Amino acid sequence: MMGGMMGGGMDWGWGWMFSSGLMMLLFWGGIIALVALAVRGLSGGGASRSEARPTPLEIAQARYAKGEINRDEYETLRRDLQTS
C-alpha cells in the first residue's frame, strides 16, 4: 500500500534523473556559449575588420569597371590616390 510513498514521494525514477541531467548540460552549455561569444566580441572577432574593406583605389577600379566613371575620371582618381 505504501510502496509508492516510500522515501517521501521521491521515487520518480530514471526519467527524472535523465531530464534533470539534460537540463544541467543545457544550462552549462548555454553559459559557456555566452562566455565564448562575449570574449569573441570583445576581442574583435579574430580577424581585423579593416582587412575586409577595399582600398580607395580598388573602389575607383570597381566604379570604372561598372561604367560609373569614365577613363579620364578614373585616371584622375588614380593619380590623386597614388600621390597621397
C-alpha atoms as a PDB file:
ATOM      1  CA  MET A   1       0.000   0.000   0.000  1.00  0.00           C
ATOM      2  CA  MET A   2       2.776   2.431   0.828  1.00  0.00           C
ATOM      3  CA  GLY A   3       5.183   1.214  -1.872  1.00  0.00           C
ATOM      4  CA  GLY A   4       4.731   4.381  -3.939  1.00  0.00           C
ATOM      5  CA  MET A   5       5.193   6.627  -0.944  1.00  0.00           C
ATOM      6  CA  MET A   6       8.476   5.193   0.283  1.00  0.00           C
ATOM      7  CA  GLY A   7      11.230   7.809   0.547  1.00  0.00           C
ATOM      8  CA  GLY A   8       8.856  10.729   0.964  1.00  0.00           C
ATOM      9  CA  GLY A   9       7.448  10.521  -2.587  1.00  0.00           C
ATOM     10  CA  MET A  10      10.827  10.954  -4.295  1.00  0.00           C
ATOM     11  CA  ASP A  11      10.559   7.746  -6.326  1.00  0.00           C
ATOM     12  CA  TRP A  12      10.453   9.482  -9.714  1.00  0.00           C
ATOM     13  CA  GLY A  13      12.727   7.001 -11.492  1.00  0.00           C
ATOM     14  CA  TRP A  14      15.217   7.220 -14.337  1.00  0.00           C
ATOM     15  CA  GLY A  15      13.189   9.725 -16.358  1.00  0.00           C
ATOM     16  CA  TRP A  16      13.638  12.401 -13.727  1.00  0.00           C
ATOM     17  CA  MET A  17      17.358  11.717 -13.455  1.00  0.00           C
ATOM     18  CA  PHE A  18      17.780  11.845 -17.237  1.00  0.00           C
ATOM     19  CA  SER A  19      15.807  15.057 -17.725  1.00  0.00           C
ATOM     20  CA  SER A  20      17.499  16.841 -14.819  1.00  0.00           C
ATOM     21  CA  GLY A  21      20.916  15.813 -16.148  1.00  0.00           C
ATOM     22  CA  LEU A  22      19.968  17.045 -19.600  1.00  0.00           C
ATOM     23  CA  MET A  23      18.780  20.365 -18.204  1.00  0.00           C
ATOM     24  CA  MET A  24      22.060  20.780 -16.326  1.00  0.00           C
ATOM     25  CA  LEU A  25      24.043  20.135 -19.520  1.00  0.00           C
ATOM     26  CA  LEU A  26      21.927  22.645 -21.444  1.00  0.00           C
ATOM     27  CA  PHE A  27      22.360  25.240 -18.703  1.00  0.00           C
ATOM     28  CA  TRP A  28      26.157  24.933 -18.544  1.00  0.00           C
ATOM     29  CA  GLY A  29      26.398  24.709 -22.329  1.00  0.00           C
ATOM     30  CA  GLY A  30      24.484  27.974 -22.594  1.00  0.00           C
ATOM     31  CA  ILE A  31      26.719  29.657 -20.025  1.00  0.00           C
ATOM     32  CA  ILE A  32      29.856  28.509 -21.862  1.00  0.00           C
ATOM     33  CA  ALA A  33      28.443  29.671 -25.212  1.00  0.00           C
ATOM     34  CA  LEU A  34      27.622  33.117 -23.797  1.00  0.00           C
ATOM     35  CA  VAL A  35      31.104  33.500 -22.337  1.00  0.00           C
ATOM     36  CA  ALA A  36      32.683  32.421 -25.642  1.00  0.00           C
ATOM     37  CA  LEU A  37      30.569  34.915 -27.606  1.00  0.00           C
ATOM     38  CA  ALA A  38      31.415  37.701 -25.168  1.00  0.00           C
ATOM     39  CA  VAL A  39      35.148  37.009 -25.399  1.00  0.00           C
ATOM     40  CA  ARG A  40      34.972  36.822 -29.186  1.00  0.00           C
ATOM     41  CA  GLY A  41      33.015  40.076 -29.388  1.00  0.00           C
ATOM     42  CA  LEU A  42      35.390  41.925 -27.070  1.00  0.00           C
ATOM     43  CA  SER A  43      38.469  40.703 -28.920  1.00  0.00           C
ATOM     44  CA  GLY A  44      37.201  41.936 -32.284  1.00  0.00           C
ATOM     45  CA  GLY A  45      36.087  38.559 -33.626  1.00  0.00           C
ATOM     46  CA  GLY A  46      39.523  37.270 -34.556  1.00  0.00           C
ATOM     47  CA  ALA A  47      40.325  38.946 -37.882  1.00  0.00           C
ATOM     48  CA  SER A  48      40.626  42.688 -38.175  1.00  0.00           C
ATOM     49  CA  ARG A  49      37.639  44.372 -39.767  1.00  0.00           C
ATOM     50  CA  SER A  50      39.893  46.751 -41.690  1.00  0.00           C
ATOM     51  CA  GLU A  51      41.188  43.833 -43.788  1.00  0.00           C
ATOM     52  CA  ALA A  52      37.772  43.378 -45.369  1.00  0.00           C
ATOM     53  CA  ARG A  53      37.480  46.998 -46.521  1.00  0.00           C
ATOM     54  CA  PRO A  54      38.517  47.772 -50.096  1.00  0.00           C
ATOM     55  CA  THR A  55      41.121  50.463 -50.639  1.00  0.00           C
ATOM     56  CA  PRO A  56      40.101  53.724 -52.319  1.00  0.00           C
ATOM     57  CA  LEU A  57      41.956  52.633 -55.471  1.00  0.00           C
ATOM     58  CA  GLU A  58      40.017  49.352 -55.530  1.00  0.00           C
ATOM     59  CA  ILE A  59      36.782  51.315 -55.213  1.00  0.00           C
ATOM     60  CA  ALA A  60      37.791  53.529 -58.137  1.00  0.00           C
ATOM     61  CA  GLN A  61      38.687  50.445 -60.195  1.00  0.00           C
ATOM     62  CA  ALA A  62      35.319  48.859 -59.423  1.00  0.00           C
ATOM     63  CA  ARG A  63      33.452  52.035 -60.343  1.00  0.00           C
ATOM     64  CA  TYR A  64      35.369  52.235 -63.632  1.00  0.00           C
ATOM     65  CA  ALA A  65      34.657  48.564 -64.346  1.00  0.00           C
ATOM     66  CA  LYS A  66      30.932  49.131 -63.727  1.00  0.00           C
ATOM     67  CA  GLY A  67      30.905  52.148 -66.027  1.00  0.00           C
ATOM     68  CA  GLU A  68      30.035  54.609 -63.259  1.00  0.00           C
ATOM     69  CA  ILE A  69      33.022  56.793 -64.181  1.00  0.00           C
ATOM     70  CA  ASN A  70      34.835  57.243 -67.482  1.00  0.00           C
ATOM     71  CA  ARG A  71      38.510  56.682 -68.215  1.00  0.00           C
ATOM     72  CA  ASP A  72      39.541  60.302 -67.627  1.00  0.00           C
ATOM     73  CA  GLU A  73      37.811  60.374 -64.227  1.00  0.00           C
ATOM     74  CA  TYR A  74      39.432  57.055 -63.298  1.00  0.00           C
ATOM     75  CA  GLU A  75      42.914  58.238 -64.321  1.00  0.00           C
ATOM     76  CA  THR A  76      42.455  61.448 -62.335  1.00  0.00           C
ATOM     77  CA  LEU A  77      41.354  59.494 -59.256  1.00  0.00           C
ATOM     78  CA  ARG A  78      44.214  57.022 -59.662  1.00  0.00           C
ATOM     79  CA  ARG A  79      46.826  59.801 -59.912  1.00  0.00           C
ATOM     80  CA  ASP A  80      45.357  61.619 -56.897  1.00  0.00           C
ATOM     81  CA  LEU A  81      45.246  58.477 -54.803  1.00  0.00           C
ATOM     82  CA  GLN A  82      48.791  57.425 -55.676  1.00  0.00           C
ATOM     83  CA  THR A  83      50.266  60.801 -54.758  1.00  0.00           C
ATOM     84  CA  SER A  84      48.616  60.948 -51.332  1.00  0.00           C
END
